[in-house]
Each structure stands twice: as structure tokens, then as C-alpha cells.
Amino acid sequence: MRRIMMIASLMVSASVWPAQQTVTLAVPGMTCAICPVTVKKALLKLDGVIDVKSNLGKRETMVIYDDAKVKVATITRATREAGFPSTIAGTKP
């Protein structure tokens, strides 16, 4: 019985842990070598953003974030406010 209770409590607690997510943003305004740096600085200011990697050639930025602390809408708003409007190109858990 104890074992069942322990397993049940682990299952419940695991479902409430924050999840690390990845979103890829299309950022068509990134046109020079400084643009990805500007986008990265803006995104790393957000609580919950863990890492940012940009591909200037594809004009995309991959953001790893804690979905319990920051939402994708906040991430895209931050790029827009930095002068680089973005849209979601893809997501993965």
C-alpha cells in the first residue's frame, strides 16, 4: 500500500513541475550580424527564458524557456518591442 501511495504522489507531483519548452520564431527583420544579438538581449531579460540561439541565414530564433514563468506571447512581444516582430515557426516540448 505504501508503495502505491508513493508512486501516486510522484505521478501527481511530476505533472505540476514546470516544463522546459522550445519555440522557434521566424524573425524576418533580422538582416545583419547585430540583429540576432539585439533579439537575444531582449529575450534574455525575460524571467523564464533559458537560452536563445539565432540563425541569421534562416532568419529564425530558437528560444528555450520555462513555460511556468513566461508565455510565448510575452516572448514574441519582447522581440517586437526590440524592433523585430516575430511569428511562431515551430514548437517542441
PDB file of N, CA and C in Angstrom:
ATOM      1  N   MET A   1       0.828  -1.190   0.000  1.00  0.00           N
ATOM      2  CA  MET A   1       0.000   0.000   0.000  1.00  0.00           C
ATOM      3  C   MET A   1       0.877   1.260   0.000  1.00  0.00           C
ATOM      4  N   ARG A   2       1.928   1.227   0.797  1.00  0.00           N
ATOM      5  CA  ARG A   2       2.833   2.370   0.846  1.00  0.00           C
ATOM      6  C   ARG A   2       3.446   2.654  -0.520  1.00  0.00           C
ATOM      7  N   ARG A   3       3.819   1.576  -1.187  1.00  0.00           N
ATOM      8  CA  ARG A   3       4.442   1.711  -2.498  1.00  0.00           C
ATOM      9  C   ARG A   3       3.472   2.373  -3.489  1.00  0.00           C
ATOM     10  N   ILE A   4       2.223   1.977  -3.441  1.00  0.00           N
ATOM     11  CA  ILE A   4       1.214   2.561  -4.325  1.00  0.00           C
ATOM     12  C   ILE A   4       1.049   4.048  -4.033  1.00  0.00           C
ATOM     13  N   MET A   5       1.003   4.404  -2.766  1.00  0.00           N
ATOM     14  CA  MET A   5       0.854   5.811  -2.390  1.00  0.00           C
ATOM     15  C   MET A   5       2.056   6.634  -2.855  1.00  0.00           C
ATOM     16  N   MET A   6       3.249   6.068  -2.712  1.00  0.00           N
ATOM     17  CA  MET A   6       4.449   6.773  -3.125  1.00  0.00           C
ATOM     18  C   MET A   6       4.447   6.988  -4.642  1.00  0.00           C
ATOM     19  N   ILE A   7       4.099   5.970  -5.393  1.00  0.00           N
ATOM     20  CA  ILE A   7       4.052   6.086  -6.848  1.00  0.00           C
ATOM     21  C   ILE A   7       2.997   7.106  -7.263  1.00  0.00           C
ATOM     22  N   ALA A   8       1.848   7.067  -6.619  1.00  0.00           N
ATOM     23  CA  ALA A   8       0.776   8.016  -6.937  1.00  0.00           C
ATOM     24  C   ALA A   8       1.214   9.449  -6.658  1.00  0.00           C
ATOM     25  N   SER A   9       1.896   9.666  -5.543  1.00  0.00           N
ATOM     26  CA  SER A   9       2.334  11.025  -5.217  1.00  0.00           C
ATOM     27  C   SER A   9       3.392  11.513  -6.203  1.00  0.00           C
ATOM     28  N   LEU A  10       4.259  10.629  -6.666  1.00  0.00           N
ATOM     29  CA  LEU A  10       5.255  11.013  -7.665  1.00  0.00           C
ATOM     30  C   LEU A  10       4.591  11.376  -8.987  1.00  0.00           C
ATOM     31  N   MET A  11       3.569  10.634  -9.363  1.00  0.00           N
ATOM     32  CA  MET A  11       2.864  10.921 -10.609  1.00  0.00           C
ATOM     33  C   MET A  11       2.165  12.272 -10.542  1.00  0.00           C
ATOM     34  N   VAL A  12       1.562  12.580  -9.424  1.00  0.00           N
ATOM     35  CA  VAL A  12       0.867  13.853  -9.263  1.00  0.00           C
ATOM     36  C   VAL A  12       1.865  14.999  -9.248  1.00  0.00           C
ATOM     37  N   SER A  13       2.940  14.871  -8.496  1.00  0.00           N
ATOM     38  CA  SER A  13       3.904  15.964  -8.404  1.00  0.00           C
ATOM     39  C   SER A  13       4.645  16.172  -9.717  1.00  0.00           C
ATOM     40  N   ALA A  14       4.886  15.129 -10.473  1.00  0.00           N
ATOM     41  CA  ALA A  14       5.576  15.282 -11.757  1.00  0.00           C
ATOM     42  C   ALA A  14       4.737  16.077 -12.743  1.00  0.00           C
ATOM     43  N   SER A  15       3.430  15.965 -12.644  1.00  0.00           N
ATOM     44  CA  SER A  15       2.578  16.671 -13.593  1.00  0.00           C
ATOM     45  C   SER A  15       2.499  18.171 -13.313  1.00  0.00           C
ATOM     46  N   VAL A  16       2.883  18.616 -12.133  1.00  0.00           N
ATOM     47  CA  VAL A  16       2.827  20.041 -11.828  1.00  0.00           C
ATOM     48  C   VAL A  16       4.187  20.725 -11.928  1.00  0.00           C
ATOM     49  N   TRP A  17       5.235  19.992 -12.247  1.00  0.00           N
ATOM     50  CA  TRP A  17       6.540  20.605 -12.436  1.00  0.00           C
ATOM     51  C   TRP A  17       6.525  21.437 -13.705  1.00  0.00           C
ATOM     52  N   PRO A  18       7.197  22.570 -13.682  1.00  0.00           N
ATOM     53  CA  PRO A  18       7.258  23.378 -14.894  1.00  0.00           C
ATOM     54  C   PRO A  18       8.009  22.630 -15.991  1.00  0.00           C
ATOM     55  N   ALA A  19       7.622  22.865 -17.200  1.00  0.00           N
ATOM     56  CA  ALA A  19       8.243  22.170 -18.322  1.00  0.00           C
ATOM     57  C   ALA A  19       9.115  23.129 -19.120  1.00  0.00           C
ATOM     58  N   GLN A  20      10.263  22.630 -19.499  1.00  0.00           N
ATOM     59  CA  GLN A  20      11.136  23.392 -20.381  1.00  0.00           C
ATOM     60  C   GLN A  20      10.623  23.186 -21.800  1.00  0.00           C
ATOM     61  N   GLN A  21      10.358  24.254 -22.489  1.00  0.00           N
ATOM     62  CA  GLN A  21       9.807  24.201 -23.837  1.00  0.00           C
ATOM     63  C   GLN A  21      10.759  24.891 -24.809  1.00  0.00           C
ATOM     64  N   THR A  22      10.575  24.589 -26.081  1.00  0.00           N
ATOM     65  CA  THR A  22      11.351  25.243 -27.133  1.00  0.00           C
ATOM     66  C   THR A  22      10.395  25.788 -28.178  1.00  0.00           C
ATOM     67  N   VAL A  23      10.592  27.025 -28.553  1.00  0.00           N
ATOM     68  CA  VAL A  23       9.815  27.627 -29.640  1.00  0.00           C
ATOM     69  C   VAL A  23      10.800  28.216 -30.645  1.00  0.00           C
ATOM     70  N   THR A  24      10.502  28.015 -31.914  1.00  0.00           N
ATOM     71  CA  THR A  24      11.294  28.625 -32.976  1.00  0.00           C
ATOM     72  C   THR A  24      10.476  29.764 -33.559  1.00  0.00           C
ATOM     73  N   LEU A  25      11.095  30.920 -33.618  1.00  0.00           N
ATOM     74  CA  LEU A  25      10.424  32.113 -34.123  1.00  0.00           C
ATOM     75  C   LEU A  25      10.983  32.501 -35.485  1.00  0.00           C
ATOM     76  N   ALA A  26      10.102  32.849 -36.393  1.00  0.00           N
ATOM     77  CA  ALA A  26      10.514  33.452 -37.657  1.00  0.00           C
ATOM     78  C   ALA A  26      10.665  34.947 -37.387  1.00  0.00           C
ATOM     79  N   VAL A  27      11.865  35.460 -37.662  1.00  0.00           N
ATOM     80  CA  VAL A  27      12.149  36.876 -37.408  1.00  0.00           C
ATOM     81  C   VAL A  27      12.666  37.482 -38.720  1.00  0.00           C
ATOM     82  N   PRO A  28      11.750  37.843 -39.627  1.00  0.00           N
ATOM     83  CA  PRO A  28      12.171  38.302 -40.953  1.00  0.00           C
ATOM     84  C   PRO A  28      12.991  39.589 -40.950  1.00  0.00           C
ATOM     85  N   GLY A  29      12.908  40.367 -39.892  1.00  0.00           N
ATOM     86  CA  GLY A  29      13.649  41.626 -39.827  1.00  0.00           C
ATOM     87  C   GLY A  29      15.119  41.479 -39.482  1.00  0.00           C
ATOM     88  N   MET A  30      15.564  40.264 -39.146  1.00  0.00           N
ATOM     89  CA  MET A  30      16.991  40.065 -38.846  1.00  0.00           C
ATOM     90  C   MET A  30      17.750  40.048 -40.172  1.00  0.00           C
ATOM     91  N   THR A  31      18.500  41.106 -40.425  1.00  0.00           N
ATOM     92  CA  THR A  31      19.187  41.225 -41.714  1.00  0.00           C
ATOM     93  C   THR A  31      20.691  41.439 -41.608  1.00  0.00           C
ATOM     94  N   CYS A  32      21.203  41.679 -40.405  1.00  0.00           N
ATOM     95  CA  CYS A  32      22.645  41.894 -40.256  1.00  0.00           C
ATOM     96  C   CYS A  32      23.149  41.146 -39.021  1.00  0.00           C
ATOM     97  N   ALA A  33      24.437  41.143 -38.828  1.00  0.00           N
ATOM     98  CA  ALA A  33      25.043  40.388 -37.730  1.00  0.00           C
ATOM     99  C   ALA A  33      24.664  40.913 -36.350  1.00  0.00           C
ATOM    100  N   ILE A  34      24.275  42.164 -36.237  1.00  0.00           N
ATOM    101  CA  ILE A  34      23.909  42.750 -34.944  1.00  0.00           C
ATOM    102  C   ILE A  34      22.474  42.388 -34.548  1.00  0.00           C
ATOM    103  N   CYS A  35      21.624  42.140 -35.536  1.00  0.00           N
ATOM    104  CA  CYS A  35      20.207  41.856 -35.252  1.00  0.00           C
ATOM    105  C   CYS A  35      20.005  40.685 -34.281  1.00  0.00           C
ATOM    106  N   PRO A  36      20.636  39.526 -34.493  1.00  0.00           N
ATOM    107  CA  PRO A  36      20.441  38.421 -33.546  1.00  0.00           C
ATOM    108  C   PRO A  36      20.909  38.760 -32.129  1.00  0.00           C
ATOM    109  N   VAL A  37      21.934  39.575 -32.024  1.00  0.00           N
ATOM    110  CA  VAL A  37      22.430  39.988 -30.707  1.00  0.00           C
ATOM    111  C   VAL A  37      21.368  40.824 -29.996  1.00  0.00           C
ATOM    112  N   THR A  38      20.743  41.728 -30.729  1.00  0.00           N
ATOM    113  CA  THR A  38      19.690  42.576 -30.164  1.00  0.00           C
ATOM    114  C   THR A  38      18.501  41.734 -29.714  1.00  0.00           C
ATOM    115  N   VAL A  39      18.099  40.779 -30.544  1.00  0.00           N
ATOM    116  CA  VAL A  39      16.980  39.891 -30.199  1.00  0.00           C
ATOM    117  C   VAL A  39      17.322  39.074 -28.958  1.00  0.00           C
ATOM    118  N   LYS A  40      18.520  38.513 -28.927  1.00  0.00           N
ATOM    119  CA  LYS A  40      18.934  37.691 -27.785  1.00  0.00           C
ATOM    120  C   LYS A  40      18.928  38.498 -26.491  1.00  0.00           C
ATOM    121  N   LYS A  41      19.472  39.701 -26.524  1.00  0.00           N
ATOM    122  CA  LYS A  41      19.494  40.548 -25.321  1.00  0.00           C
ATOM    123  C   LYS A  41      18.084  40.823 -24.817  1.00  0.00           C
ATOM    124  N   ALA A  42      17.175  41.121 -25.737  1.00  0.00           N
ATOM    125  CA  ALA A  42      15.790  41.411 -25.343  1.00  0.00           C
ATOM    126  C   ALA A  42      15.137  40.190 -24.708  1.00  0.00           C
ATOM    127  N   LEU A  43      15.380  39.022 -25.272  1.00  0.00           N
ATOM    128  CA  LEU A  43      14.738  37.809 -24.764  1.00  0.00           C
ATOM    129  C   LEU A  43      15.332  37.345 -23.440  1.00  0.00           C
ATOM    130  N   LEU A  44      16.631  37.482 -23.276  1.00  0.00           N
ATOM    131  CA  LEU A  44      17.258  37.037 -22.024  1.00  0.00           C
ATOM    132  C   LEU A  44      16.878  37.911 -20.834  1.00  0.00           C
ATOM    133  N   LYS A  45      16.288  39.069 -21.082  1.00  0.00           N
ATOM    134  CA  LYS A  45      15.794  39.908 -19.987  1.00  0.00           C
ATOM    135  C   LYS A  45      14.521  39.334 -19.369  1.00  0.00           C
ATOM    136  N   LEU A  46      13.854  38.448 -20.095  1.00  0.00           N
ATOM    137  CA  LEU A  46      12.598  37.876 -19.606  1.00  0.00           C
ATOM    138  C   LEU A  46      12.866  36.772 -18.591  1.00  0.00           C
ATOM    139  N   ASP A  47      12.185  36.843 -17.459  1.00  0.00           N
ATOM    140  CA  ASP A  47      12.280  35.781 -16.463  1.00  0.00           C
ATOM    141  C   ASP A  47      11.656  34.526 -17.058  1.00  0.00           C
ATOM    142  N   GLY A  48      12.417  33.462 -17.114  1.00  0.00           N
ATOM    143  CA  GLY A  48      11.915  32.205 -17.657  1.00  0.00           C
ATOM    144  C   GLY A  48      12.573  31.815 -18.963  1.00  0.00           C
ATOM    145  N   VAL A  49      13.213  32.765 -19.647  1.00  0.00           N
ATOM    146  CA  VAL A  49      13.946  32.420 -20.866  1.00  0.00           C
ATOM    147  C   VAL A  49      15.290  31.847 -20.441  1.00  0.00           C
ATOM    148  N   ILE A  50      15.570  30.643 -20.915  1.00  0.00           N
ATOM    149  CA  ILE A  50      16.769  29.912 -20.503  1.00  0.00           C
ATOM    150  C   ILE A  50      17.909  30.096 -21.502  1.00  0.00           C
ATOM    151  N   ASP A  51      17.592  30.007 -22.792  1.00  0.00           N
ATOM    152  CA  ASP A  51      18.632  30.120 -23.815  1.00  0.00           C
ATOM    153  C   ASP A  51      18.011  30.636 -25.110  1.00  0.00           C
ATOM    154  N   VAL A  52      18.837  31.304 -25.906  1.00  0.00           N
ATOM    155  CA  VAL A  52      18.399  31.860 -27.187  1.00  0.00           C
ATOM    156  C   VAL A  52      19.499  31.602 -28.204  1.00  0.00           C
ATOM    157  N   LYS A  53      19.114  31.033 -29.348  1.00  0.00           N
ATOM    158  CA  LYS A  53      20.062  30.817 -30.436  1.00  0.00           C
ATOM    159  C   LYS A  53      19.400  31.276 -31.729  1.00  0.00           C
ATOM    160  N   SER A  54      20.119  32.080 -32.501  1.00  0.00           N
ATOM    161  CA  SER A  54      19.569  32.593 -33.755  1.00  0.00           C
ATOM    162  C   SER A  54      20.321  32.037 -34.946  1.00  0.00           C
ATOM    163  N   ASN A  55      19.606  31.902 -36.053  1.00  0.00           N
ATOM    164  CA  ASN A  55      20.182  31.519 -37.332  1.00  0.00           C
ATOM    165  C   ASN A  55      19.873  32.665 -38.292  1.00  0.00           C
ATOM    166  N   LEU A  56      20.866  33.495 -38.529  1.00  0.00           N
ATOM    167  CA  LEU A  56      20.670  34.681 -39.360  1.00  0.00           C
ATOM    168  C   LEU A  56      20.286  34.301 -40.785  1.00  0.00           C
ATOM    169  N   GLY A  57      20.903  33.259 -41.324  1.00  0.00           N
ATOM    170  CA  GLY A  57      20.604  32.823 -42.692  1.00  0.00           C
ATOM    171  C   GLY A  57      19.147  32.429 -42.876  1.00  0.00           C
ATOM    172  N   LYS A  58      18.597  31.744 -41.880  1.00  0.00           N
ATOM    173  CA  LYS A  58      17.184  31.335 -41.942  1.00  0.00           C
ATOM    174  C   LYS A  58      16.250  32.400 -41.376  1.00  0.00           C
ATOM    175  N   ARG A  59      16.850  33.406 -40.724  1.00  0.00           N
ATOM    176  CA  ARG A  59      16.079  34.452 -40.035  1.00  0.00           C
ATOM    177  C   ARG A  59      15.134  33.835 -39.006  1.00  0.00           C
ATOM    178  N   GLU A  60      15.720  32.957 -38.201  1.00  0.00           N
ATOM    179  CA  GLU A  60      14.968  32.279 -37.145  1.00  0.00           C
ATOM    180  C   GLU A  60      15.708  32.382 -35.819  1.00  0.00           C
ATOM    181  N   THR A  61      14.940  32.334 -34.750  1.00  0.00           N
ATOM    182  CA  THR A  61      15.494  32.323 -33.400  1.00  0.00           C
ATOM    183  C   THR A  61      14.824  31.209 -32.615  1.00  0.00           C
ATOM    184  N   MET A  62      15.638  30.360 -31.987  1.00  0.00           N
ATOM    185  CA  MET A  62      15.133  29.286 -31.146  1.00  0.00           C
ATOM    186  C   MET A  62      15.249  29.737 -29.693  1.00  0.00           C
ATOM    187  N   VAL A  63      14.150  29.622 -28.972  1.00  0.00           N
ATOM    188  CA  VAL A  63      14.106  30.063 -27.577  1.00  0.00           C
ATOM    189  C   VAL A  63      13.742  28.875 -26.702  1.00  0.00           C
ATOM    190  N   ILE A  64      14.584  28.601 -25.712  1.00  0.00           N
ATOM    191  CA  ILE A  64      14.279  27.586 -24.704  1.00  0.00           C
ATOM    192  C   ILE A  64      13.815  28.346 -23.474  1.00  0.00           C
ATOM    193  N   TYR A  65      12.643  27.959 -22.957  1.00  0.00           N
ATOM    194  CA  TYR A  65      12.045  28.724 -21.868  1.00  0.00           C
ATOM    195  C   TYR A  65      11.280  27.818 -20.913  1.00  0.00           C
ATOM    196  N   ASP A  66      11.032  28.343 -19.727  1.00  0.00           N
ATOM    197  CA  ASP A  66      10.249  27.669 -18.698  1.00  0.00           C
ATOM    198  C   ASP A  66       8.818  28.157 -18.844  1.00  0.00           C
ATOM    199  N   ASP A  67       7.921  27.263 -19.261  1.00  0.00           N
ATOM    200  CA  ASP A  67       6.551  27.705 -19.542  1.00  0.00           C
ATOM    201  C   ASP A  67       5.742  28.051 -18.298  1.00  0.00           C
ATOM    202  N   ALA A  68       6.301  27.798 -17.124  1.00  0.00           N
ATOM    203  CA  ALA A  68       5.632  28.217 -15.888  1.00  0.00           C
ATOM    204  C   ALA A  68       5.940  29.681 -15.574  1.00  0.00           C
ATOM    205  N   LYS A  69       6.986  30.220 -16.212  1.00  0.00           N
ATOM    206  CA  LYS A  69       7.405  31.592 -15.918  1.00  0.00           C
ATOM    207  C   LYS A  69       7.136  32.576 -17.045  1.00  0.00           C
ATOM    208  N   VAL A  70       7.113  32.101 -18.270  1.00  0.00           N
ATOM    209  CA  VAL A  70       6.937  33.012 -19.411  1.00  0.00           C
ATOM    210  C   VAL A  70       6.126  32.309 -20.498  1.00  0.00           C
ATOM    211  N   LYS A  71       5.312  33.071 -21.167  1.00  0.00           N
ATOM    212  CA  LYS A  71       4.466  32.548 -22.245  1.00  0.00           C
ATOM    213  C   LYS A  71       5.019  32.994 -23.597  1.00  0.00           C
ATOM    214  N   VAL A  72       4.658  32.253 -24.629  1.00  0.00           N
ATOM    215  CA  VAL A  72       5.142  32.570 -25.973  1.00  0.00           C
ATOM    216  C   VAL A  72       4.704  33.971 -26.397  1.00  0.00           C
ATOM    217  N   ALA A  73       3.510  34.375 -26.018  1.00  0.00           N
ATOM    218  CA  ALA A  73       3.036  35.723 -26.365  1.00  0.00           C
ATOM    219  C   ALA A  73       3.960  36.797 -25.790  1.00  0.00           C
ATOM    220  N   THR A  74       4.475  36.563 -24.598  1.00  0.00           N
ATOM    221  CA  THR A  74       5.412  37.511 -23.978  1.00  0.00           C
ATOM    222  C   THR A  74       6.734  37.518 -24.736  1.00  0.00           C
ATOM    223  N   ILE A  75       7.154  36.361 -25.195  1.00  0.00           N
ATOM    224  CA  ILE A  75       8.401  36.241 -25.952  1.00  0.00           C
ATOM    225  C   ILE A  75       8.288  36.990 -27.279  1.00  0.00           C
ATOM    226  N   THR A  76       7.189  36.779 -27.999  1.00  0.00           N
ATOM    227  CA  THR A  76       7.030  37.477 -29.284  1.00  0.00           C
ATOM    228  C   THR A  76       6.850  38.979 -29.080  1.00  0.00           C
ATOM    229  N   ARG A  77       6.214  39.361 -27.988  1.00  0.00           N
ATOM    230  CA  ARG A  77       6.068  40.794 -27.689  1.00  0.00           C
ATOM    231  C   ARG A  77       7.447  41.421 -27.446  1.00  0.00           C
ATOM    232  N   ALA A  78       8.331  40.696 -26.758  1.00  0.00           N
ATOM    233  CA  ALA A  78       9.679  41.214 -26.480  1.00  0.00           C
ATOM    234  C   ALA A  78      10.469  41.422 -27.771  1.00  0.00           C
ATOM    235  N   THR A  79      10.346  40.507 -28.723  1.00  0.00           N
ATOM    236  CA  THR A  79      11.059  40.709 -29.992  1.00  0.00           C
ATOM    237  C   THR A  79      10.484  41.904 -30.738  1.00  0.00           C
ATOM    238  N   ARG A  80       9.159  42.039 -30.713  1.00  0.00           N
ATOM    239  CA  ARG A  80       8.508  43.175 -31.386  1.00  0.00           C
ATOM    240  C   ARG A  80       8.952  44.499 -30.766  1.00  0.00           C
ATOM    241  N   GLU A  81       8.984  44.543 -29.430  1.00  0.00           N
ATOM    242  CA  GLU A  81       9.388  45.769 -28.740  1.00  0.00           C
ATOM    243  C   GLU A  81      10.858  46.103 -28.976  1.00  0.00           C
ATOM    244  N   ALA A  82      11.659  45.084 -29.313  1.00  0.00           N
ATOM    245  CA  ALA A  82      13.071  45.317 -29.637  1.00  0.00           C
ATOM    246  C   ALA A  82      13.242  45.736 -31.099  1.00  0.00           C
ATOM    247  N   GLY A  83      12.127  45.795 -31.836  1.00  0.00           N
ATOM    248  CA  GLY A  83      12.188  46.211 -33.230  1.00  0.00           C
ATOM    249  C   GLY A  83      12.194  45.069 -34.223  1.00  0.00           C
ATOM    250  N   PHE A  84      11.923  43.853 -33.741  1.00  0.00           N
ATOM    251  CA  PHE A  84      11.965  42.675 -34.595  1.00  0.00           C
ATOM    252  C   PHE A  84      10.706  41.829 -34.416  1.00  0.00           C
ATOM    253  N   PRO A  85       9.619  42.198 -35.087  1.00  0.00           N
ATOM    254  CA  PRO A  85       8.400  41.396 -34.984  1.00  0.00           C
ATOM    255  C   PRO A  85       8.679  39.943 -35.378  1.00  0.00           C
ATOM    256  N   SER A  86       8.039  39.019 -34.679  1.00  0.00           N
ATOM    257  CA  SER A  86       8.272  37.603 -34.944  1.00  0.00           C
ATOM    258  C   SER A  86       6.954  36.841 -34.930  1.00  0.00           C
ATOM    259  N   THR A  87       6.992  35.673 -35.560  1.00  0.00           N
ATOM    260  CA  THR A  87       5.860  34.753 -35.527  1.00  0.00           C
ATOM    261  C   THR A  87       6.384  33.371 -35.180  1.00  0.00           C
ATOM    262  N   ILE A  88       5.503  32.526 -34.705  1.00  0.00           N
ATOM    263  CA  ILE A  88       5.904  31.171 -34.325  1.00  0.00           C
ATOM    264  C   ILE A  88       6.135  30.347 -35.588  1.00  0.00           C
ATOM    265  N   ALA A  89       7.333  29.772 -35.697  1.00  0.00           N
ATOM    266  CA  ALA A  89       7.668  28.908 -36.826  1.00  0.00           C
ATOM    267  C   ALA A  89       7.544  27.443 -36.435  1.00  0.00           C
ATOM    268  N   GLY A  90       7.663  27.145 -35.133  1.00  0.00           N
ATOM    269  CA  GLY A  90       7.554  25.767 -34.659  1.00  0.00           C
ATOM    270  C   GLY A  90       7.736  25.697 -33.161  1.00  0.00           C
ATOM    271  N   THR A  91       7.233  24.598 -32.580  1.00  0.00           N
ATOM    272  CA  THR A  91       7.384  24.367 -31.143  1.00  0.00           C
ATOM    273  C   THR A  91       7.714  22.912 -30.904  1.00  0.00           C
ATOM    274  N   LYS A  92       8.326  22.648 -29.757  1.00  0.00           N
ATOM    275  CA  LYS A  92       8.526  21.270 -29.314  1.00  0.00           C
ATOM    276  C   LYS A  92       8.730  21.277 -27.811  1.00  0.00           C
ATOM    277  N   PRO A  93       8.287  20.215 -27.164  1.00  0.00           N
ATOM    278  CA  PRO A  93       8.449  20.141 -25.692  1.00  0.00           C
ATOM    279  C   PRO A  93       9.882  19.888 -25.301  1.00  0.00           C
TER     280      PRO A  93
END
